[in-house]
Each structure stands twice: as C-alpha cells, then as structure tokens.
N, C-alpha and C. Protein backbone atom coordinates (compact mmCIF):
# COMPACT_ATOMS: atom_id res chain seq x y z
N MET A 1 0.59 -1.20 -0.16
CA MET A 1 -0.01 -0.17 -0.59
C MET A 1 0.42 1.53 -0.07
N ASP A 2 0.52 1.90 -0.78
CA ASP A 2 1.52 3.11 -1.77
C ASP A 2 1.30 4.23 0.33
N ASP A 3 0.52 5.06 0.41
CA ASP A 3 -0.03 5.92 1.23
C ASP A 3 -0.63 4.87 2.67
N LEU A 4 0.41 3.68 3.32
CA LEU A 4 0.28 3.57 4.54
C LEU A 4 0.24 3.77 5.79
N LEU A 5 0.98 4.89 6.35
CA LEU A 5 1.43 5.87 7.21
C LEU A 5 -0.53 6.87 7.23
N PRO A 6 -1.23 7.43 6.02
CA PRO A 6 -2.58 7.88 6.34
C PRO A 6 -3.30 7.01 6.49
N HIS A 7 -3.63 5.65 5.79
CA HIS A 7 -4.51 5.04 6.51
C HIS A 7 -4.08 4.80 7.41
N VAL A 8 -3.08 4.12 7.84
CA VAL A 8 -3.07 2.90 9.23
C VAL A 8 -3.48 4.58 9.66
N LEU A 9 -3.24 5.52 10.14
CA LEU A 9 -3.80 6.79 10.54
C LEU A 9 -5.01 6.71 10.59
N ALA A 10 -6.14 6.16 10.25
CA ALA A 10 -7.25 6.59 9.61
C ALA A 10 -8.29 5.85 10.44
N ILE A 11 -7.39 4.74 9.96
CA ILE A 11 -7.71 3.58 11.29
C ILE A 11 -7.78 3.44 12.26
N LEU A 12 -6.31 3.26 12.83
CA LEU A 12 -6.09 3.83 14.18
C LEU A 12 -7.37 5.65 14.90
N SER A 13 -7.71 5.92 14.72
CA SER A 13 -7.66 6.81 14.76
C SER A 13 -9.41 6.71 15.18
N THR A 14 -10.26 6.34 13.73
CA THR A 14 -11.43 6.05 14.31
C THR A 14 -12.05 4.46 15.08
N THR A 15 -11.15 4.07 15.42
CA THR A 15 -11.40 2.63 16.48
C THR A 15 -12.24 3.79 18.21
N PRO A 16 -10.76 4.56 18.67
CA PRO A 16 -11.59 4.82 19.97
C PRO A 16 -12.96 5.28 19.35
N GLN A 17 -13.48 6.11 18.55
CA GLN A 17 -14.37 6.71 18.86
C GLN A 17 -15.72 5.33 18.57
N ARG A 18 -15.36 4.76 17.56
CA ARG A 18 -16.29 3.39 17.07
C ARG A 18 -16.78 2.70 18.95
N TRP A 19 -15.41 1.85 19.44
CA TRP A 19 -15.89 1.92 21.18
C TRP A 19 -16.85 3.14 21.96
N ASN A 20 -16.66 3.97 21.49
CA ASN A 20 -16.83 4.85 22.35
C ASN A 20 -18.49 4.39 22.10
N THR A 21 -18.90 4.89 21.10
CA THR A 21 -20.40 4.79 21.08
C THR A 21 -20.99 3.65 20.99
N LEU A 22 -20.65 2.58 21.02
CA LEU A 22 -20.39 1.16 21.75
C LEU A 22 -20.68 0.96 22.62
N ALA A 23 -19.78 2.23 23.68
CA ALA A 23 -20.08 1.60 25.19
C ALA A 23 -21.09 2.42 25.68
N HIS A 24 -21.34 4.01 24.94
CA HIS A 24 -22.48 4.65 25.22
C HIS A 24 -23.70 4.22 24.56
N ALA A 25 -24.23 3.33 23.71
CA ALA A 25 -24.98 3.24 23.29
C ALA A 25 -26.17 1.56 23.67
N VAL A 26 -24.75 0.81 23.81
CA VAL A 26 -25.30 -0.37 24.52
C VAL A 26 -25.47 -0.98 25.35
N PRO A 27 -26.53 -1.44 25.83
CA PRO A 27 -26.68 -2.18 26.88
C PRO A 27 -25.69 -3.29 27.62
N PRO A 28 -25.16 -3.26 28.96
CA PRO A 28 -23.97 -3.89 29.86
C PRO A 28 -24.45 -5.44 28.77
N ASP A 29 -25.37 -5.93 29.36
CA ASP A 29 -25.49 -7.25 29.20
C ASP A 29 -25.45 -7.85 27.47
N LEU A 30 -25.64 -6.61 26.71
CA LEU A 30 -25.35 -7.17 25.10
C LEU A 30 -23.28 -7.37 25.43
N LEU A 31 -23.41 -5.91 25.75
CA LEU A 31 -21.36 -5.90 25.76
C LEU A 31 -20.77 -7.06 26.45
N ASP A 32 -21.54 -7.61 27.83
CA ASP A 32 -20.71 -8.88 28.05
C ASP A 32 -20.87 -10.03 27.35
N ARG A 33 -22.00 -9.97 26.83
CA ARG A 33 -22.57 -11.99 26.06
C ARG A 33 -21.57 -11.89 25.39
N LYS A 34 -21.33 -13.67 25.40
CA LYS A 34 -20.42 -13.86 24.99
C LYS A 34 -20.90 -14.47 23.52
N PRO A 35 -20.28 -15.41 22.43
CA PRO A 35 -21.11 -15.47 21.34
C PRO A 35 -21.42 -17.25 21.43
N ARG A 36 -20.12 -18.06 22.35
CA ARG A 36 -19.86 -19.38 22.74
C ARG A 36 -19.22 -19.33 23.49
N PRO A 37 -19.47 -19.97 24.68
CA PRO A 37 -18.44 -20.09 25.83
C PRO A 37 -17.08 -20.39 25.41
N GLY A 38 -16.03 -19.87 25.83
CA GLY A 38 -14.44 -19.51 25.86
C GLY A 38 -14.86 -18.24 24.37
N GLU A 39 -14.95 -18.21 24.22
CA GLU A 39 -14.98 -16.88 23.15
C GLU A 39 -15.08 -15.66 23.47
N TRP A 40 -14.62 -14.31 23.09
CA TRP A 40 -14.68 -12.96 23.72
C TRP A 40 -15.88 -12.67 23.45
N SER A 41 -16.58 -11.63 24.33
CA SER A 41 -18.04 -10.93 24.39
C SER A 41 -16.80 -9.56 23.57
N ALA A 42 -17.61 -8.57 23.41
CA ALA A 42 -17.20 -6.58 22.70
C ALA A 42 -16.33 -6.63 24.23
N ILE A 43 -17.10 -6.84 25.53
CA ILE A 43 -16.37 -5.87 26.21
C ILE A 43 -14.68 -6.63 26.55
N ASP A 44 -14.45 -7.98 26.24
CA ASP A 44 -13.76 -8.42 26.21
C ASP A 44 -12.72 -8.24 25.34
N CYS A 45 -13.21 -7.54 23.86
CA CYS A 45 -12.43 -7.41 23.09
C CYS A 45 -11.91 -5.87 23.05
N LEU A 46 -12.49 -5.18 23.68
CA LEU A 46 -12.15 -3.41 24.36
C LEU A 46 -11.14 -3.31 25.58
N ARG A 47 -11.15 -4.40 26.18
CA ARG A 47 -10.05 -4.97 27.54
C ARG A 47 -9.01 -5.20 26.34
N HIS A 48 -9.34 -6.04 25.44
CA HIS A 48 -7.56 -6.61 25.02
C HIS A 48 -6.82 -5.47 24.59
N LEU A 49 -7.89 -4.76 23.58
CA LEU A 49 -7.47 -2.96 22.81
C LEU A 49 -6.61 -2.34 23.93
N VAL A 50 -7.66 -2.34 24.76
CA VAL A 50 -6.95 -1.04 26.25
C VAL A 50 -5.20 -2.14 26.51
N THR A 51 -5.20 -3.93 26.57
CA THR A 51 -3.76 -3.90 26.92
C THR A 51 -2.72 -4.08 25.85
N THR A 52 -3.24 -4.02 24.88
CA THR A 52 -2.19 -4.00 23.99
C THR A 52 -1.75 -2.31 23.43
N GLU A 53 -2.75 -1.79 23.71
CA GLU A 53 -2.68 -0.17 23.76
C GLU A 53 -1.75 0.56 24.08
N ARG A 54 -1.98 -0.70 25.75
CA ARG A 54 -0.75 -0.23 26.90
C ARG A 54 0.54 -0.60 26.70
N ASP A 55 0.88 -1.84 26.65
CA ASP A 55 1.26 -2.82 26.56
C ASP A 55 2.51 -3.72 24.99
N VAL A 56 1.61 -3.00 24.31
CA VAL A 56 2.35 -3.88 23.01
C VAL A 56 2.79 -3.16 21.99
N PHE A 57 1.73 -2.72 21.37
CA PHE A 57 1.55 -1.40 20.40
C PHE A 57 3.10 -0.66 20.38
N PRO A 58 2.91 -0.29 21.53
CA PRO A 58 3.57 1.22 21.34
C PRO A 58 5.22 0.92 22.24
N VAL A 59 5.09 -0.48 22.74
CA VAL A 59 6.72 -0.74 23.38
C VAL A 59 6.81 -1.41 21.92
N ARG A 60 6.77 -1.96 21.17
CA ARG A 60 7.72 -2.49 20.30
C ARG A 60 7.31 -1.09 18.32
N LEU A 61 7.07 -0.01 18.70
CA LEU A 61 7.32 0.93 18.23
C LEU A 61 8.42 1.44 18.36
N ALA A 62 8.54 1.70 20.01
CA ALA A 62 9.58 1.75 20.15
C ALA A 62 10.92 1.13 19.80
N ALA A 63 10.61 -0.41 19.76
CA ALA A 63 11.37 -1.08 19.78
C ALA A 63 12.46 -1.05 18.33
N PHE A 64 10.81 -0.17 17.27
CA PHE A 64 11.25 -0.54 16.25
C PHE A 64 13.05 0.89 15.87
N GLN A 65 12.17 1.61 16.46
CA GLN A 65 12.66 3.04 16.69
C GLN A 65 14.42 2.79 17.27
N ALA A 66 14.21 2.67 18.45
CA ALA A 66 15.77 2.17 18.44
C ALA A 66 16.26 0.90 18.25
N GLY A 67 16.12 0.22 17.05
CA GLY A 67 16.88 -0.55 16.24
C GLY A 67 17.00 -1.87 17.13
N ARG A 68 15.89 -2.35 18.16
CA ARG A 68 16.08 -3.24 18.80
C ARG A 68 14.79 -4.32 18.70
N ASP A 69 14.92 -5.48 18.91
CA ASP A 69 14.11 -7.02 19.16
C ASP A 69 13.34 -6.41 20.19
N PHE A 70 12.14 -7.25 19.85
CA PHE A 70 10.98 -7.30 21.14
C PHE A 70 10.62 -9.08 21.14
N ALA A 71 10.18 -8.69 21.71
CA ALA A 71 9.48 -10.55 22.03
C ALA A 71 8.08 -10.51 21.41
N ALA A 72 7.21 -11.91 21.69
CA ALA A 72 5.90 -11.98 21.23
C ALA A 72 4.89 -12.03 22.12
N HIS A 73 4.08 -11.18 22.21
CA HIS A 73 3.13 -11.31 22.88
C HIS A 73 1.48 -12.68 22.75
N ASP A 74 1.62 -13.02 23.74
CA ASP A 74 0.75 -13.82 24.19
C ASP A 74 -0.85 -13.52 24.90
N PRO A 75 -1.50 -13.09 23.88
CA PRO A 75 -2.60 -12.41 24.93
C PRO A 75 -3.87 -13.56 26.12
N ASP A 76 -3.42 -14.49 25.55
CA ASP A 76 -4.00 -15.18 26.44
C ASP A 76 -3.23 -15.55 28.16
N ALA A 77 -1.78 -15.64 27.74
CA ALA A 77 -0.97 -15.68 28.93
C ALA A 77 -1.25 -13.83 29.61
N ALA A 78 -1.39 -13.25 28.23
CA ALA A 78 -1.15 -11.79 29.08
C ALA A 78 -1.98 -11.39 30.30
N GLY A 79 -3.34 -12.22 30.07
CA GLY A 79 -4.39 -12.00 30.78
C GLY A 79 -5.34 -10.51 30.48
N ALA A 80 -5.33 -10.72 28.86
CA ALA A 80 -5.85 -9.64 27.79
C ALA A 80 -7.26 -9.52 28.23
N VAL A 81 -7.42 -10.62 28.75
CA VAL A 81 -9.75 -9.89 29.20
C VAL A 81 -9.83 -9.73 30.76
N GLU A 82 -9.00 -9.17 31.12
CA GLU A 82 -8.66 -9.30 32.19
C GLU A 82 -9.20 -7.87 32.37
N GLY A 83 -9.71 -6.84 33.83
CA GLY A 83 -9.83 -5.64 34.10
C GLY A 83 -11.52 -5.29 33.96
N PRO A 84 -11.33 -3.80 34.12
CA PRO A 84 -12.59 -3.68 34.83
C PRO A 84 -13.62 -3.52 33.70
N ASP A 85 -14.90 -3.70 34.58
CA ASP A 85 -16.17 -4.10 33.73
C ASP A 85 -16.62 -2.67 33.50
N ASP A 86 -16.55 -1.73 33.80
CA ASP A 86 -17.12 -0.60 33.07
C ASP A 86 -16.50 0.51 31.74
N PRO A 87 -17.53 -0.54 30.38
CA PRO A 87 -16.96 0.67 29.52
C PRO A 87 -16.76 1.47 29.46
N ASP A 88 -17.11 2.01 29.76
CA ASP A 88 -17.18 3.89 30.08
C ASP A 88 -15.21 4.62 30.00
N ALA A 89 -14.94 3.36 31.34
CA ALA A 89 -13.31 3.28 32.12
C ALA A 89 -12.39 2.90 31.08
N LEU A 90 -13.52 1.97 30.12
CA LEU A 90 -12.68 1.43 29.20
C LEU A 90 -11.69 1.98 28.10
N VAL A 91 -13.27 2.92 27.50
CA VAL A 91 -13.00 3.47 26.78
C VAL A 91 -12.13 4.50 26.88
N ALA A 92 -12.04 5.41 28.01
CA ALA A 92 -12.04 6.03 28.40
C ALA A 92 -9.79 6.61 28.78
N GLU A 93 -9.88 4.76 28.81
CA GLU A 93 -8.34 4.28 28.82
C GLU A 93 -7.59 4.56 27.42
N PHE A 94 -8.57 3.88 26.43
CA PHE A 94 -7.66 3.60 25.31
C PHE A 94 -7.73 5.13 24.71
N GLU A 95 -9.27 6.02 24.89
CA GLU A 95 -8.73 6.83 24.22
C GLU A 95 -7.56 7.76 24.23
N THR A 96 -7.55 8.31 25.72
CA THR A 96 -5.99 8.41 26.04
C THR A 96 -4.73 8.21 25.87
N LEU A 97 -4.22 6.29 25.87
CA LEU A 97 -3.73 5.68 25.11
C LEU A 97 -3.66 5.67 23.73
N ARG A 98 -4.72 5.44 22.37
CA ARG A 98 -4.58 5.49 21.49
C ARG A 98 -4.15 6.81 21.30
N GLY A 99 -4.34 8.29 21.96
CA GLY A 99 -4.41 9.54 21.57
C GLY A 99 -2.45 9.49 21.61
N ARG A 100 -1.45 9.36 22.64
CA ARG A 100 -0.32 8.91 21.99
C ARG A 100 0.03 8.27 21.06
N SER A 101 -0.65 7.23 20.94
CA SER A 101 0.01 6.33 19.78
C SER A 101 -0.14 7.29 18.42
N LEU A 102 -1.45 7.81 18.11
CA LEU A 102 -1.17 8.40 17.17
C LEU A 102 -0.43 9.99 16.42
N GLN A 103 0.10 10.42 17.99
CA GLN A 103 0.99 11.44 17.86
C GLN A 103 2.23 10.53 17.24
N ASP A 104 2.50 9.97 17.91
CA ASP A 104 4.14 8.11 17.85
C ASP A 104 4.19 8.07 16.14
N VAL A 105 2.78 7.70 16.18
CA VAL A 105 2.83 7.36 14.48
C VAL A 105 2.81 8.49 13.39
N ALA A 106 1.92 9.56 14.16
CA ALA A 106 1.88 11.05 13.28
C ALA A 106 3.33 11.18 12.63
N ALA A 107 4.55 10.82 13.69
CA ALA A 107 5.81 11.06 13.44
C ALA A 107 6.70 10.77 12.55
N LEU A 108 5.52 9.47 11.58
CA LEU A 108 6.87 8.70 11.16
C LEU A 108 7.20 9.03 9.96
N SER A 109 7.83 8.46 9.13
CA SER A 109 7.68 8.94 7.84
C SER A 109 7.66 8.10 7.11
N PRO A 110 7.74 8.03 5.82
CA PRO A 110 7.98 6.76 4.47
C PRO A 110 8.83 5.85 4.99
N ASP A 111 10.13 6.92 4.74
CA ASP A 111 11.27 6.16 5.35
C ASP A 111 11.58 4.96 6.66
N ASP A 112 10.76 5.60 7.34
CA ASP A 112 10.60 4.39 8.91
C ASP A 112 10.03 3.10 8.65
N LEU A 113 9.15 2.69 7.43
CA LEU A 113 8.23 1.98 7.68
C LEU A 113 9.50 0.90 6.94
N ARG A 114 10.50 1.17 6.90
CA ARG A 114 11.81 0.53 6.18
C ARG A 114 12.49 -0.35 7.34
N ARG A 115 11.98 0.06 8.62
CA ARG A 115 13.10 -0.40 9.77
C ARG A 115 12.74 -1.79 9.55
N THR A 116 13.58 -2.35 10.60
CA THR A 116 13.48 -4.00 10.91
C THR A 116 13.75 -4.17 12.27
N ALA A 117 13.22 -4.98 12.59
CA ALA A 117 13.49 -5.73 13.66
C ALA A 117 13.47 -6.88 14.08
N LYS A 118 13.49 -7.83 14.93
CA LYS A 118 13.33 -9.24 15.09
C LYS A 118 12.02 -9.84 15.64
N HIS A 119 11.36 -10.04 15.35
CA HIS A 119 9.84 -10.68 16.35
C HIS A 119 9.75 -11.35 16.83
N ALA A 120 10.17 -11.88 18.42
CA ALA A 120 10.60 -13.72 19.12
C ALA A 120 10.10 -14.63 18.06
N GLU A 121 8.45 -14.73 17.35
CA GLU A 121 8.29 -15.66 16.95
C GLU A 121 7.88 -16.09 14.85
N LEU A 122 8.08 -14.81 14.69
CA LEU A 122 8.07 -14.33 13.49
C LEU A 122 9.56 -14.04 13.00
N GLY A 123 10.34 -13.79 13.01
CA GLY A 123 12.02 -13.31 12.33
C GLY A 123 11.53 -11.85 12.06
N GLN A 124 12.34 -11.44 11.45
CA GLN A 124 12.54 -10.47 10.53
C GLN A 124 11.15 -10.23 10.22
N VAL A 125 11.06 -8.49 11.14
CA VAL A 125 10.04 -8.24 10.48
C VAL A 125 9.85 -6.29 10.18
N THR A 126 8.98 -5.64 9.35
CA THR A 126 9.21 -4.34 8.69
C THR A 126 8.31 -3.26 9.80
N LEU A 127 8.72 -2.20 9.98
CA LEU A 127 8.19 -1.86 10.96
C LEU A 127 6.57 -1.52 10.19
N GLY A 128 6.54 -0.91 8.73
CA GLY A 128 5.46 -0.87 8.31
C GLY A 128 4.10 -2.22 8.22
N GLU A 129 5.43 -3.33 7.95
CA GLU A 129 4.37 -4.54 8.24
C GLU A 129 3.72 -4.69 9.96
N MET A 130 4.27 -4.18 10.80
CA MET A 130 3.31 -4.21 12.25
C MET A 130 2.62 -2.87 12.30
N LEU A 131 2.91 -1.82 11.44
CA LEU A 131 1.50 -0.60 11.32
C LEU A 131 0.77 -1.73 10.66
N SER A 132 0.63 -2.19 9.89
CA SER A 132 -0.69 -2.64 9.07
C SER A 132 -1.29 -3.52 10.03
N GLU A 133 -0.37 -4.21 10.58
CA GLU A 133 -0.64 -5.45 11.42
C GLU A 133 -1.68 -4.59 12.73
N TRP A 134 -1.11 -3.37 13.42
CA TRP A 134 -1.95 -2.50 14.31
C TRP A 134 -2.89 -2.65 13.68
N ALA A 135 -3.09 -1.75 12.39
CA ALA A 135 -4.52 -1.23 11.81
C ALA A 135 -5.27 -2.56 12.02
N GLY A 136 -4.77 -4.06 11.34
CA GLY A 136 -5.93 -5.18 11.04
C GLY A 136 -6.27 -5.86 12.30
N HIS A 137 -5.50 -5.74 13.12
CA HIS A 137 -6.33 -5.83 14.73
C HIS A 137 -7.18 -5.43 15.32
N ASP A 138 -6.60 -3.60 14.75
CA ASP A 138 -7.88 -2.96 15.73
C ASP A 138 -9.43 -3.44 14.84
N LEU A 139 -9.29 -3.31 13.28
CA LEU A 139 -10.47 -4.00 12.92
C LEU A 139 -10.89 -5.15 13.93
N MET A 140 -10.21 -6.34 13.68
CA MET A 140 -10.21 -7.20 13.49
C MET A 140 -11.23 -7.94 14.87
N HIS A 141 -10.82 -6.78 16.26
CA HIS A 141 -11.31 -7.14 17.34
C HIS A 141 -12.14 -5.98 17.68
N THR A 142 -12.47 -5.28 16.90
CA THR A 142 -14.09 -4.35 16.62
C THR A 142 -15.19 -5.14 15.58
N VAL A 143 -14.38 -5.93 15.00
CA VAL A 143 -15.70 -6.66 14.27
C VAL A 143 -15.62 -7.44 15.33
N GLN A 144 -15.33 -8.80 15.93
CA GLN A 144 -15.47 -9.06 16.45
C GLN A 144 -16.92 -9.51 17.62
N GLY A 145 -15.91 -8.49 18.06
CA GLY A 145 -16.98 -7.27 19.29
C GLY A 145 -18.53 -7.38 18.61
N GLU A 146 -18.47 -6.41 17.82
CA GLU A 146 -19.96 -6.80 17.18
C GLU A 146 -20.31 -7.56 17.00
N ARG A 147 -19.64 -8.73 16.46
CA ARG A 147 -20.07 -10.23 16.04
C ARG A 147 -20.50 -10.59 17.33
N ALA A 148 -19.72 -11.03 17.98
CA ALA A 148 -20.58 -11.12 19.12
C ALA A 148 -21.88 -10.77 19.98
N MET A 149 -21.93 -9.67 19.86
CA MET A 149 -23.37 -8.55 19.79
C MET A 149 -24.79 -9.18 18.95
N MET A 150 -23.95 -9.09 18.14
CA MET A 150 -24.95 -9.86 16.71
C MET A 150 -25.77 -10.93 17.15
N GLN A 151 -25.52 -12.01 18.01
CA GLN A 151 -25.70 -13.48 17.90
C GLN A 151 -27.54 -13.19 18.43
N PRO A 152 -27.52 -12.73 19.39
CA PRO A 152 -28.80 -12.82 20.27
C PRO A 152 -30.02 -12.68 18.60
N PHE A 153 -29.83 -11.02 17.87
CA PHE A 153 -30.32 -10.52 17.16
C PHE A 153 -30.49 -11.43 15.72
N ILE A 154 -29.21 -12.33 15.52
CA ILE A 154 -29.11 -13.69 14.44
C ILE A 154 -29.64 -14.93 14.45
N ALA A 155 -29.87 -14.95 15.66
CA ALA A 155 -30.78 -15.93 16.64
C ALA A 155 -32.23 -16.18 16.72
N GLY A 156 -32.37 -14.37 16.76
CA GLY A 156 -34.07 -14.00 16.30
C GLY A 156 -34.53 -13.94 15.39
N SER A 157 -33.83 -13.87 14.01
CA SER A 157 -33.94 -13.42 12.71
C SER A 157 -35.16 -14.76 12.28
N GLY A 158 -35.57 -15.85 12.69
CA GLY A 158 -36.36 -16.34 12.09
C GLY A 158 -35.58 -17.09 10.71
N PRO A 159 -36.47 -15.84 9.79
CA PRO A 159 -36.29 -17.24 8.61
C PRO A 159 -34.79 -16.22 7.77
N TRP A 160 -34.62 -15.61 7.82
CA TRP A 160 -33.35 -14.22 7.66
C TRP A 160 -32.49 -15.07 8.06
N ARG A 161 -31.85 -15.91 8.98
CA ARG A 161 -30.99 -15.86 9.81
C ARG A 161 -29.40 -16.56 8.49
N SER A 162 -30.50 -16.75 7.96
CA SER A 162 -29.60 -17.93 6.62
C SER A 162 -28.43 -16.68 6.40
N TYR A 163 -29.24 -15.83 6.28
CA TYR A 163 -28.52 -14.52 5.68
C TYR A 163 -27.17 -13.83 6.53
N PHE A 164 -27.01 -14.30 7.44
CA PHE A 164 -26.15 -14.42 8.79
C PHE A 164 -25.01 -15.16 8.69
N SER A 165 -24.60 -16.12 7.86
CA SER A 165 -23.77 -17.48 8.01
C SER A 165 -22.65 -17.18 8.51
N ASP A 166 -21.68 -16.04 7.87
CA ASP A 166 -21.22 -15.75 8.25
C ASP A 166 -20.28 -15.42 9.44
N HIS A 167 -21.56 -15.15 10.31
CA HIS A 167 -21.45 -14.30 11.72
C HIS A 167 -22.32 -15.02 13.25
N ASP A 168 -22.15 -16.42 12.11
CA ASP A 168 -23.76 -17.34 13.19
C ASP A 168 -22.89 -18.20 13.92
N ALA A 169 -22.79 -18.13 15.66
CA ALA A 169 -21.72 -18.48 16.02
C ALA A 169 -22.76 -19.95 16.63
N LEU A 170 -23.85 -19.84 16.04
CA LEU A 170 -24.27 -21.01 16.69
C LEU A 170 -25.45 -21.39 15.94
N PRO A 171 -25.10 -21.70 14.55
CA PRO A 171 -26.47 -21.85 13.70
C PRO A 171 -27.14 -22.87 14.37
N PRO A 172 -28.50 -22.91 13.33
CA PRO A 172 -29.42 -23.72 14.19
C PRO A 172 -28.99 -25.29 14.02
N ALA A 173 -28.34 -25.98 13.12
CA ALA A 173 -28.23 -27.26 13.26
C ALA A 173 -27.32 -27.62 14.81
N ALA A 174 -26.10 -26.45 14.85
CA ALA A 174 -25.87 -26.68 16.39
C ALA A 174 -26.07 -26.50 17.76
N GLU A 175 -27.27 -25.67 17.69
CA GLU A 175 -27.95 -25.62 18.55
C GLU A 175 -28.84 -26.44 19.22
N ALA A 176 -29.78 -27.71 18.22
CA ALA A 176 -30.08 -28.33 18.59
C ALA A 176 -29.13 -29.80 19.98
C-alpha cells in the first residue's frame, strides 16, 4: 500500500470513536454476551485493545525506533480479557492511550516503514508490516466484538437467519 501511514492513521483514529459509541449506546448485558463459551464478548475485545495499546504496540514502535528486537505477545497468557467491567472507564483509558500512539505514528516518515526488528516468533519484520498488523488488529477485534453482540439478533431473525451464516456463532443445526 503506497499510502500506508495515512491509511493506518485513519483506522487507528476511528477505533476509539467506534468503541465510545458502542460503550455508551449498547446495554451492558449485550456488551458482556459471549457468542459461545470460551469466546470473547465485546467488552473482552475492548479490554484486549486497551492491553495491547498500553503494553504491546507502543513498546514495539519504540523497539523499531531504537533498533531493538522485541518479544512476542500471547494475549491469553497476558490476561488480555481481565480488567474493569466499566465500558466507560475502558473507553476513556483506550482514548488516552491511543491519543499518544497517534502522535507517535504521525511522527513517522515513509522511510521509517523500512526499519526492521526481530520478532521472537515471526523473525525479521518491518515497521510497515507492524503498522499494517496494528490497523488490522483494531478492525479484527472491533468486528469480533460486534459479532458477539449480533448473536441474539441473528438467533431471533427467523427465516432471515441464513443471511448471517458468516457471523452465526451457533447455526441452528448446532443448537439442537
């Protein structure tokens, strides 16, 4: 992608707004609803985004800038879905952390995208690849949270349910 930095900034800047809207508009029971046992609810996805915004992406960005390698991140081992239940508090923390990250990313130049570091599991990676992963990570976990909230609506949609097959966590055959 030729315009990676503006595209990444566009995605990273919209994610807190999307979660702010969800946190303020969606009832808590829907935010807490897991699509299936063992899967993440929307609030779990938001907690994970806060964790990675605090402990993963800024650390990796600093490592690239300092010419250091960095460790892998295991969200399950790091307790990614533990933390406060209050969506407003989580969104406020996410917005604060993301504001700092946006300043750091905005200060990068296209030449910085070629910087390399060694990821403990993936090997040699570039800063451009990590920024692409960061934007994709935001979108993936926002969609994951929205998918979790979709489930009662999908289940209640009667004959339209088949239209949601890509997002249905428990298709009718699995419910029996």
